[in-house]
Amino acid sequence: MASIGNGSSAISLSKREMEILELLASGMTNQDIAKSLEISKRTVDNHVSNILTKTRTENRVTLVRWALQWGKVCIDDVTCCTLPATAQNPE
């Protein structure tokens, strides 16, 4: 499970929830996610509902904003997770 700090308490999302969050942030519908993961749409609906509850977000838009803020998803390499610093080559 991935623990994500949010104020004084940590939010734990399962590996599957993180996977669904990434697909959701990429713009996929619940039906698209279900097909991609080969699970039922109802299972995806349940996961999304659980993620919204755990993150205390009200809808998909605020959930994606939350995920971007905490560096949990990357969208078009614009807002991306922090990458380790690379050594600079001396010129």
N, C-alpha and C. Protein backbone atom coordinates (compact mmCIF):
# COMPACT_ATOMS: atom_id res chain seq x y z
N MET A 1 0.83 -1.19 0.00
CA MET A 1 0.00 0.00 0.00
C MET A 1 0.87 1.25 0.00
N ALA A 2 0.40 2.25 -0.68
CA ALA A 2 1.11 3.53 -0.72
C ALA A 2 0.52 4.44 0.33
N SER A 3 1.37 4.92 1.23
CA SER A 3 0.91 5.86 2.24
C SER A 3 1.20 7.27 1.77
N ILE A 4 0.21 8.11 1.85
CA ILE A 4 0.32 9.46 1.37
C ILE A 4 -0.02 10.39 2.50
N GLY A 5 0.88 11.30 2.83
CA GLY A 5 0.63 12.24 3.91
C GLY A 5 -0.44 13.24 3.52
N ASN A 6 -1.33 13.51 4.41
CA ASN A 6 -2.37 14.51 4.19
C ASN A 6 -2.67 15.13 5.54
N GLY A 7 -1.98 16.22 5.84
CA GLY A 7 -2.15 16.80 7.16
C GLY A 7 -1.49 15.92 8.20
N SER A 8 -2.22 15.61 9.28
CA SER A 8 -1.64 14.83 10.37
C SER A 8 -1.77 13.33 10.19
N SER A 9 -2.58 12.89 9.21
CA SER A 9 -2.77 11.46 9.02
C SER A 9 -2.32 11.04 7.63
N ALA A 10 -1.90 9.79 7.51
CA ALA A 10 -1.47 9.25 6.23
C ALA A 10 -2.63 8.53 5.57
N ILE A 11 -2.71 8.67 4.26
CA ILE A 11 -3.73 7.99 3.48
C ILE A 11 -3.08 6.79 2.82
N SER A 12 -3.66 5.61 2.98
CA SER A 12 -3.11 4.40 2.38
C SER A 12 -3.97 3.97 1.20
N LEU A 13 -3.36 3.95 0.01
CA LEU A 13 -4.03 3.46 -1.17
C LEU A 13 -3.36 2.15 -1.58
N SER A 14 -4.16 1.17 -1.94
CA SER A 14 -3.62 -0.11 -2.37
C SER A 14 -2.95 0.05 -3.74
N LYS A 15 -2.20 -0.96 -4.12
CA LYS A 15 -1.55 -0.96 -5.42
C LYS A 15 -2.61 -0.82 -6.52
N ARG A 16 -3.71 -1.52 -6.41
CA ARG A 16 -4.79 -1.46 -7.40
C ARG A 16 -5.42 -0.07 -7.43
N GLU A 17 -5.62 0.53 -6.26
CA GLU A 17 -6.18 1.88 -6.21
C GLU A 17 -5.26 2.88 -6.89
N MET A 18 -3.96 2.73 -6.68
CA MET A 18 -3.00 3.62 -7.33
C MET A 18 -3.05 3.43 -8.85
N GLU A 19 -3.17 2.18 -9.28
CA GLU A 19 -3.26 1.88 -10.71
C GLU A 19 -4.51 2.54 -11.31
N ILE A 20 -5.62 2.43 -10.62
CA ILE A 20 -6.87 3.02 -11.09
C ILE A 20 -6.77 4.54 -11.07
N LEU A 21 -6.15 5.11 -10.06
CA LEU A 21 -5.95 6.55 -9.99
C LEU A 21 -5.16 7.05 -11.19
N GLU A 22 -4.10 6.35 -11.56
CA GLU A 22 -3.30 6.75 -12.72
C GLU A 22 -4.13 6.71 -14.01
N LEU A 23 -4.92 5.66 -14.18
CA LEU A 23 -5.76 5.54 -15.37
C LEU A 23 -6.84 6.61 -15.39
N LEU A 24 -7.43 6.87 -14.23
CA LEU A 24 -8.44 7.91 -14.10
C LEU A 24 -7.84 9.27 -14.48
N ALA A 25 -6.64 9.54 -13.99
CA ALA A 25 -5.98 10.82 -14.27
C ALA A 25 -5.63 10.97 -15.75
N SER A 26 -5.47 9.84 -16.44
CA SER A 26 -5.16 9.90 -17.87
C SER A 26 -6.41 10.20 -18.70
N GLY A 27 -7.57 10.26 -18.04
CA GLY A 27 -8.81 10.62 -18.72
C GLY A 27 -9.72 9.47 -19.06
N MET A 28 -9.38 8.28 -18.59
CA MET A 28 -10.21 7.11 -18.89
C MET A 28 -11.48 7.11 -18.07
N THR A 29 -12.56 6.61 -18.67
CA THR A 29 -13.81 6.43 -17.94
C THR A 29 -13.71 5.15 -17.10
N ASN A 30 -14.65 4.97 -16.20
CA ASN A 30 -14.65 3.74 -15.40
C ASN A 30 -14.80 2.51 -16.30
N GLN A 31 -15.62 2.63 -17.36
CA GLN A 31 -15.79 1.52 -18.29
C GLN A 31 -14.48 1.21 -19.01
N ASP A 32 -13.75 2.25 -19.43
CA ASP A 32 -12.45 2.07 -20.09
C ASP A 32 -11.45 1.40 -19.15
N ILE A 33 -11.45 1.84 -17.90
CA ILE A 33 -10.54 1.27 -16.90
C ILE A 33 -10.87 -0.21 -16.69
N ALA A 34 -12.16 -0.51 -16.60
CA ALA A 34 -12.58 -1.91 -16.41
C ALA A 34 -12.09 -2.78 -17.55
N LYS A 35 -12.24 -2.31 -18.78
CA LYS A 35 -11.78 -3.08 -19.94
C LYS A 35 -10.26 -3.25 -19.90
N SER A 36 -9.56 -2.17 -19.59
CA SER A 36 -8.10 -2.20 -19.57
C SER A 36 -7.56 -3.17 -18.54
N LEU A 37 -8.19 -3.20 -17.36
CA LEU A 37 -7.72 -4.06 -16.26
C LEU A 37 -8.40 -5.42 -16.24
N GLU A 38 -9.35 -5.61 -17.16
CA GLU A 38 -10.10 -6.86 -17.24
C GLU A 38 -10.81 -7.19 -15.93
N ILE A 39 -11.50 -6.16 -15.40
CA ILE A 39 -12.32 -6.31 -14.21
C ILE A 39 -13.68 -5.68 -14.52
N SER A 40 -14.66 -5.88 -13.66
CA SER A 40 -15.99 -5.33 -13.93
C SER A 40 -16.01 -3.83 -13.66
N LYS A 41 -16.94 -3.15 -14.34
CA LYS A 41 -17.11 -1.72 -14.12
C LYS A 41 -17.52 -1.46 -12.68
N ARG A 42 -18.33 -2.35 -12.13
CA ARG A 42 -18.77 -2.17 -10.74
C ARG A 42 -17.57 -2.21 -9.79
N THR A 43 -16.60 -3.07 -10.05
CA THR A 43 -15.39 -3.12 -9.23
C THR A 43 -14.63 -1.80 -9.34
N VAL A 44 -14.54 -1.27 -10.55
CA VAL A 44 -13.87 0.03 -10.74
C VAL A 44 -14.64 1.11 -10.00
N ASP A 45 -15.97 1.11 -10.12
CA ASP A 45 -16.80 2.08 -9.40
C ASP A 45 -16.51 2.04 -7.90
N ASN A 46 -16.42 0.83 -7.36
CA ASN A 46 -16.14 0.67 -5.92
C ASN A 46 -14.76 1.22 -5.56
N HIS A 47 -13.76 0.91 -6.39
CA HIS A 47 -12.41 1.42 -6.13
C HIS A 47 -12.38 2.94 -6.17
N VAL A 48 -13.02 3.52 -7.18
CA VAL A 48 -13.04 4.99 -7.30
C VAL A 48 -13.73 5.60 -6.09
N SER A 49 -14.84 5.02 -5.68
CA SER A 49 -15.55 5.50 -4.50
C SER A 49 -14.66 5.43 -3.26
N ASN A 50 -13.95 4.33 -3.09
CA ASN A 50 -13.03 4.18 -1.95
C ASN A 50 -11.91 5.21 -1.99
N ILE A 51 -11.38 5.45 -3.19
CA ILE A 51 -10.29 6.42 -3.34
C ILE A 51 -10.80 7.82 -2.99
N LEU A 52 -11.98 8.17 -3.49
CA LEU A 52 -12.56 9.48 -3.17
C LEU A 52 -12.75 9.64 -1.67
N THR A 53 -13.22 8.59 -1.02
CA THR A 53 -13.43 8.64 0.43
C THR A 53 -12.10 8.80 1.17
N LYS A 54 -11.12 7.97 0.80
CA LYS A 54 -9.82 8.01 1.48
C LYS A 54 -9.11 9.35 1.31
N THR A 55 -9.24 9.94 0.13
CA THR A 55 -8.55 11.20 -0.15
C THR A 55 -9.38 12.43 0.23
N ARG A 56 -10.59 12.17 0.65
CA ARG A 56 -11.52 13.24 1.04
C ARG A 56 -11.72 14.23 -0.09
N THR A 57 -11.84 13.70 -1.30
CA THR A 57 -12.14 14.53 -2.46
C THR A 57 -13.57 14.24 -2.89
N GLU A 58 -14.18 15.21 -3.55
CA GLU A 58 -15.61 15.10 -3.86
C GLU A 58 -15.92 14.54 -5.23
N ASN A 59 -14.97 14.64 -6.17
CA ASN A 59 -15.23 14.18 -7.53
C ASN A 59 -13.92 13.89 -8.23
N ARG A 60 -14.00 13.44 -9.48
CA ARG A 60 -12.82 13.05 -10.24
C ARG A 60 -11.86 14.22 -10.45
N VAL A 61 -12.41 15.40 -10.67
CA VAL A 61 -11.56 16.57 -10.91
C VAL A 61 -10.74 16.90 -9.67
N THR A 62 -11.40 16.98 -8.52
CA THR A 62 -10.65 17.30 -7.30
C THR A 62 -9.70 16.16 -6.93
N LEU A 63 -10.06 14.93 -7.28
CA LEU A 63 -9.17 13.80 -7.02
C LEU A 63 -7.90 13.92 -7.85
N VAL A 64 -8.04 14.25 -9.13
CA VAL A 64 -6.86 14.40 -9.98
C VAL A 64 -6.00 15.58 -9.51
N ARG A 65 -6.63 16.67 -9.11
CA ARG A 65 -5.87 17.81 -8.56
C ARG A 65 -5.10 17.37 -7.31
N TRP A 66 -5.75 16.60 -6.45
CA TRP A 66 -5.10 16.09 -5.24
C TRP A 66 -3.90 15.22 -5.62
N ALA A 67 -4.10 14.32 -6.58
CA ALA A 67 -3.03 13.41 -6.99
C ALA A 67 -1.86 14.18 -7.60
N LEU A 68 -2.13 15.21 -8.35
CA LEU A 68 -1.06 16.04 -8.91
C LEU A 68 -0.31 16.78 -7.79
N GLN A 69 -1.08 17.32 -6.85
CA GLN A 69 -0.48 18.06 -5.73
C GLN A 69 0.47 17.18 -4.93
N TRP A 70 0.11 15.92 -4.73
CA TRP A 70 0.92 15.02 -3.94
C TRP A 70 1.93 14.23 -4.77
N GLY A 71 2.02 14.53 -6.08
CA GLY A 71 2.99 13.88 -6.94
C GLY A 71 2.72 12.41 -7.18
N LYS A 72 1.44 12.02 -7.19
CA LYS A 72 1.09 10.61 -7.35
C LYS A 72 0.80 10.24 -8.79
N VAL A 73 0.58 11.23 -9.64
CA VAL A 73 0.35 10.98 -11.05
C VAL A 73 1.12 12.01 -11.87
N CYS A 74 1.39 11.66 -13.09
CA CYS A 74 2.03 12.55 -14.05
C CYS A 74 1.09 12.72 -15.23
N ILE A 75 0.95 13.94 -15.70
CA ILE A 75 0.11 14.19 -16.87
C ILE A 75 0.96 14.90 -17.91
N ASP A 76 1.20 14.23 -19.02
CA ASP A 76 1.94 14.79 -20.15
C ASP A 76 3.28 15.39 -19.73
N ASP A 77 3.90 14.82 -18.74
CA ASP A 77 5.20 15.28 -18.24
C ASP A 77 5.22 16.74 -17.83
N VAL A 78 4.05 17.35 -17.61
CA VAL A 78 4.00 18.74 -17.18
C VAL A 78 4.14 18.82 -15.68
N THR A 79 3.29 18.14 -14.97
CA THR A 79 3.38 18.04 -13.52
C THR A 79 3.69 16.59 -13.23
N CYS A 80 4.89 16.34 -12.77
CA CYS A 80 5.32 14.96 -12.65
C CYS A 80 5.92 14.71 -11.27
N CYS A 81 5.98 13.45 -10.91
CA CYS A 81 6.59 13.07 -9.65
C CYS A 81 8.03 13.57 -9.61
N THR A 82 8.50 13.89 -8.44
CA THR A 82 9.86 14.37 -8.28
C THR A 82 10.83 13.26 -8.65
N LEU A 83 11.74 13.58 -9.54
CA LEU A 83 12.75 12.63 -9.96
C LEU A 83 14.03 12.88 -9.20
N PRO A 84 14.83 11.82 -8.97
CA PRO A 84 16.10 12.04 -8.28
C PRO A 84 17.01 12.95 -9.09
N ALA A 85 17.78 13.72 -8.39
CA ALA A 85 18.72 14.63 -9.06
C ALA A 85 19.76 13.82 -9.81
N THR A 86 20.11 14.28 -10.99
CA THR A 86 21.13 13.59 -11.78
C THR A 86 22.43 14.38 -11.71
N ALA A 87 23.52 13.65 -11.82
CA ALA A 87 24.82 14.30 -11.79
C ALA A 87 24.99 15.12 -13.06
N GLN A 88 25.49 16.32 -12.91
CA GLN A 88 25.72 17.17 -14.07
C GLN A 88 27.07 16.83 -14.67
N ASN A 89 27.12 16.82 -15.98
CA ASN A 89 28.38 16.54 -16.67
C ASN A 89 29.20 17.82 -16.75
N PRO A 90 30.47 17.79 -16.31
CA PRO A 90 31.30 18.98 -16.43
C PRO A 90 31.60 19.23 -17.90
N GLU A 91 31.58 20.50 -18.28
CA GLU A 91 31.85 20.83 -19.68
C GLU A 91 33.23 21.33 -19.87
